[in-house]
C-alpha atoms as a PDB file:
ATOM      1  CA  MET A   1       0.047   0.283   0.292  1.00  0.00           C
ATOM      2  CA  LYS A   2       3.221   2.174   0.968  1.00  0.00           C
ATOM      3  CA  THR A   3       4.571   1.359  -2.525  1.00  0.00           C
ATOM      4  CA  ARG A   4       1.755   2.689  -4.685  1.00  0.00           C
ATOM      5  CA  LYS A   5       0.917   6.058  -2.333  1.00  0.00           C
ATOM      6  CA  LEU A   6       4.837   6.530  -2.766  1.00  0.00           C
ATOM      7  CA  ILE A   7       4.795   5.952  -6.463  1.00  0.00           C
ATOM      8  CA  LYS A   8       1.422   8.621  -6.965  1.00  0.00           C
ATOM      9  CA  GLY A   9       3.720  10.700  -5.300  1.00  0.00           C
ATOM     10  CA  MET A  10       6.524  10.639  -7.391  1.00  0.00           C
ATOM     11  CA  MET A  11       4.310  10.523 -10.845  1.00  0.00           C
ATOM     12  CA  ALA A  12       2.160  13.899  -9.354  1.00  0.00           C
ATOM     13  CA  VAL A  13       5.561  15.553  -9.215  1.00  0.00           C
ATOM     14  CA  ALA A  14       7.046  14.346 -11.568  1.00  0.00           C
ATOM     15  CA  ILE A  15       3.889  15.956 -13.269  1.00  0.00           C
ATOM     16  CA  VAL A  16       4.397  19.202 -11.569  1.00  0.00           C
ATOM     17  CA  VAL A  17       7.925  19.734 -12.416  1.00  0.00           C
ATOM     18  CA  VAL A  18       6.895  18.912 -15.658  1.00  0.00           C
ATOM     19  CA  ALA A  19       4.725  21.295 -16.474  1.00  0.00           C
ATOM     20  CA  GLY A  20       6.068  24.155 -14.576  1.00  0.00           C
ATOM     21  CA  LEU A  21       8.927  23.910 -17.059  1.00  0.00           C
ATOM     22  CA  ALA A  22       6.967  23.490 -19.997  1.00  0.00           C
ATOM     23  CA  ILE A  23       5.228  27.379 -18.543  1.00  0.00           C
ATOM     24  CA  TYR A  24       8.750  28.750 -17.800  1.00  0.00           C
ATOM     25  CA  ALA A  25       9.992  28.019 -21.030  1.00  0.00           C
ATOM     26  CA  ASN A  26       6.956  29.078 -23.090  1.00  0.00           C
ATOM     27  CA  GLN A  27       7.433  32.467 -20.976  1.00  0.00           C
ATOM     28  CA  SER A  28      10.644  33.060 -21.813  1.00  0.00           C
ATOM     29  CA  LYS A  29      10.278  33.555 -25.721  1.00  0.00           C
ATOM     30  CA  GLU A  30       9.850  36.946 -26.963  1.00  0.00           C
ATOM     31  CA  HIS A  31       7.157  36.202 -29.771  1.00  0.00           C
ATOM     32  CA  LYS A  32       7.760  39.933 -32.074  1.00  0.00           C
ATOM     33  CA  SER A  33       5.099  40.042 -34.810  1.00  0.00           C
ATOM     34  CA  ASP A  34       5.831  41.564 -38.163  1.00  0.00           C
ATOM     35  CA  VAL A  35       4.064  44.241 -37.594  1.00  0.00           C
ATOM     36  CA  MET A  36       5.932  45.452 -34.643  1.00  0.00           C
ATOM     37  CA  LEU A  37       9.560  44.793 -35.773  1.00  0.00           C
ATOM     38  CA  ALA A  38       8.278  46.999 -38.681  1.00  0.00           C
ATOM     39  CA  ASN A  39       7.964  49.939 -35.982  1.00  0.00           C
ATOM     40  CA  ILE A  40      10.342  48.879 -34.128  1.00  0.00           C
ATOM     41  CA  GLU A  41      12.511  49.557 -37.485  1.00  0.00           C
ATOM     42  CA  ALA A  42      11.093  52.270 -37.901  1.00  0.00           C
ATOM     43  CA  LEU A  43      11.498  54.256 -34.971  1.00  0.00           C
ATOM     44  CA  ALA A  44      14.704  53.137 -35.650  1.00  0.00           C
ATOM     45  CA  SER A  45      15.416  54.283 -38.634  1.00  0.00           C
ATOM     46  CA  GLY A  46      16.385  58.522 -36.890  1.00  0.00           C
ATOM     47  CA  GLU A  47      13.915  60.043 -39.153  1.00  0.00           C
ATOM     48  CA  SER A  48      14.648  63.736 -38.950  1.00  0.00           C
ATOM     49  CA  PHE A  49      11.715  64.813 -40.724  1.00  0.00           C
ATOM     50  CA  ILE A  50       8.669  65.808 -39.479  1.00  0.00           C
ATOM     51  CA  TYR A  51       6.001  66.834 -41.757  1.00  0.00           C
ATOM     52  CA  TYR A  52       3.300  68.490 -39.117  1.00  0.00           C
ATOM     53  CA  ARG A  53       2.971  71.663 -38.493  1.00  0.00           C
ATOM     54  CA  LEU A  54       0.960  74.066 -35.939  1.00  0.00           C
ATOM     55  CA  PHE A  55      -0.197  76.472 -37.521  1.00  0.00           C
ATOM     56  CA  PRO A  56      -3.821  78.997 -35.506  1.00  0.00           C
ATOM     57  CA  CYS A  57      -7.090  78.128 -36.011  1.00  0.00           C
ATOM     58  CA  ALA A  58      -8.708  80.656 -37.479  1.00  0.00           C
ATOM     59  CA  LYS A  59     -11.771  80.618 -35.792  1.00  0.00           C
ATOM     60  CA  TYR A  60     -10.876  79.669 -32.771  1.00  0.00           C
ATOM     61  CA  PRO A  61      -7.353  81.583 -31.919  1.00  0.00           C
ATOM     62  CA  TYR A  62      -6.484  80.170 -28.760  1.00  0.00           C
ATOM     63  CA  ASN A  63      -6.586  76.321 -31.064  1.00  0.00           C
ATOM     64  CA  ASN A  64      -3.821  74.929 -33.056  1.00  0.00           C
ATOM     65  CA  GLU A  65      -3.998  72.043 -35.767  1.00  0.00           C
ATOM     66  CA  CYS A  66      -1.588  70.232 -37.019  1.00  0.00           C
ATOM     67  CA  ARG A  67      -1.104  70.431 -40.690  1.00  0.00           C
ATOM     68  CA  PHE A  68       1.104  68.513 -43.196  1.00  0.00           C
ATOM     69  CA  SER A  69       3.771  71.271 -44.031  1.00  0.00           C
ATOM     70  CA  ASN A  70       7.117  72.296 -44.642  1.00  0.00           C
ATOM     71  CA  ASP A  71       7.360  75.325 -42.881  1.00  0.00           C
ATOM     72  CA  THR A  72      10.153  74.693 -40.566  1.00  0.00           C
ATOM     73  CA  THR A  73       9.867  78.278 -38.707  1.00  0.00           C
ATOM     74  CA  ARG A  74       6.812  76.278 -37.311  1.00  0.00           C
ATOM     75  CA  PRO A  75       6.605  73.957 -34.310  1.00  0.00           C
ATOM     76  CA  GLY A  76       6.691  69.898 -35.478  1.00  0.00           C
ATOM     77  CA  CYS A  77       3.755  68.217 -34.186  1.00  0.00           C
ATOM     78  CA  TYR A  78       2.816  64.475 -34.611  1.00  0.00           C
ATOM     79  CA  GLY A  79       0.008  63.871 -37.017  1.00  0.00           C
ATOM     80  CA  PRO A  80      -3.018  65.962 -38.589  1.00  0.00           C
ATOM     81  CA  THR A  81      -5.729  67.742 -36.117  1.00  0.00           C
ATOM     82  CA  TYR A  82      -8.310  70.432 -37.855  1.00  0.00           C
ATOM     83  CA  CYS A  83      -9.749  73.146 -36.456  1.00  0.00           C
ATOM     84  CA  ASN A  84     -13.900  72.734 -35.786  1.00  0.00           C
END
């Protein structure tokens, strides 16, 4: 009777150890999607040109809009926004 309990206990410990190792091995791998790799490459490429510039709104002078422009005298911004 003691032998069966000992074997069952050893099998349970072995199953827990194998499952733990499998989970650890799966978590330690980094899976990078194609989109994430493209984003990393774009960020690392060192783009120094800002294509969008900040302009005051005509209708609301206290607001600004971000428009596509090559005017380097204007402060840069990161994407198009428009005055309402």
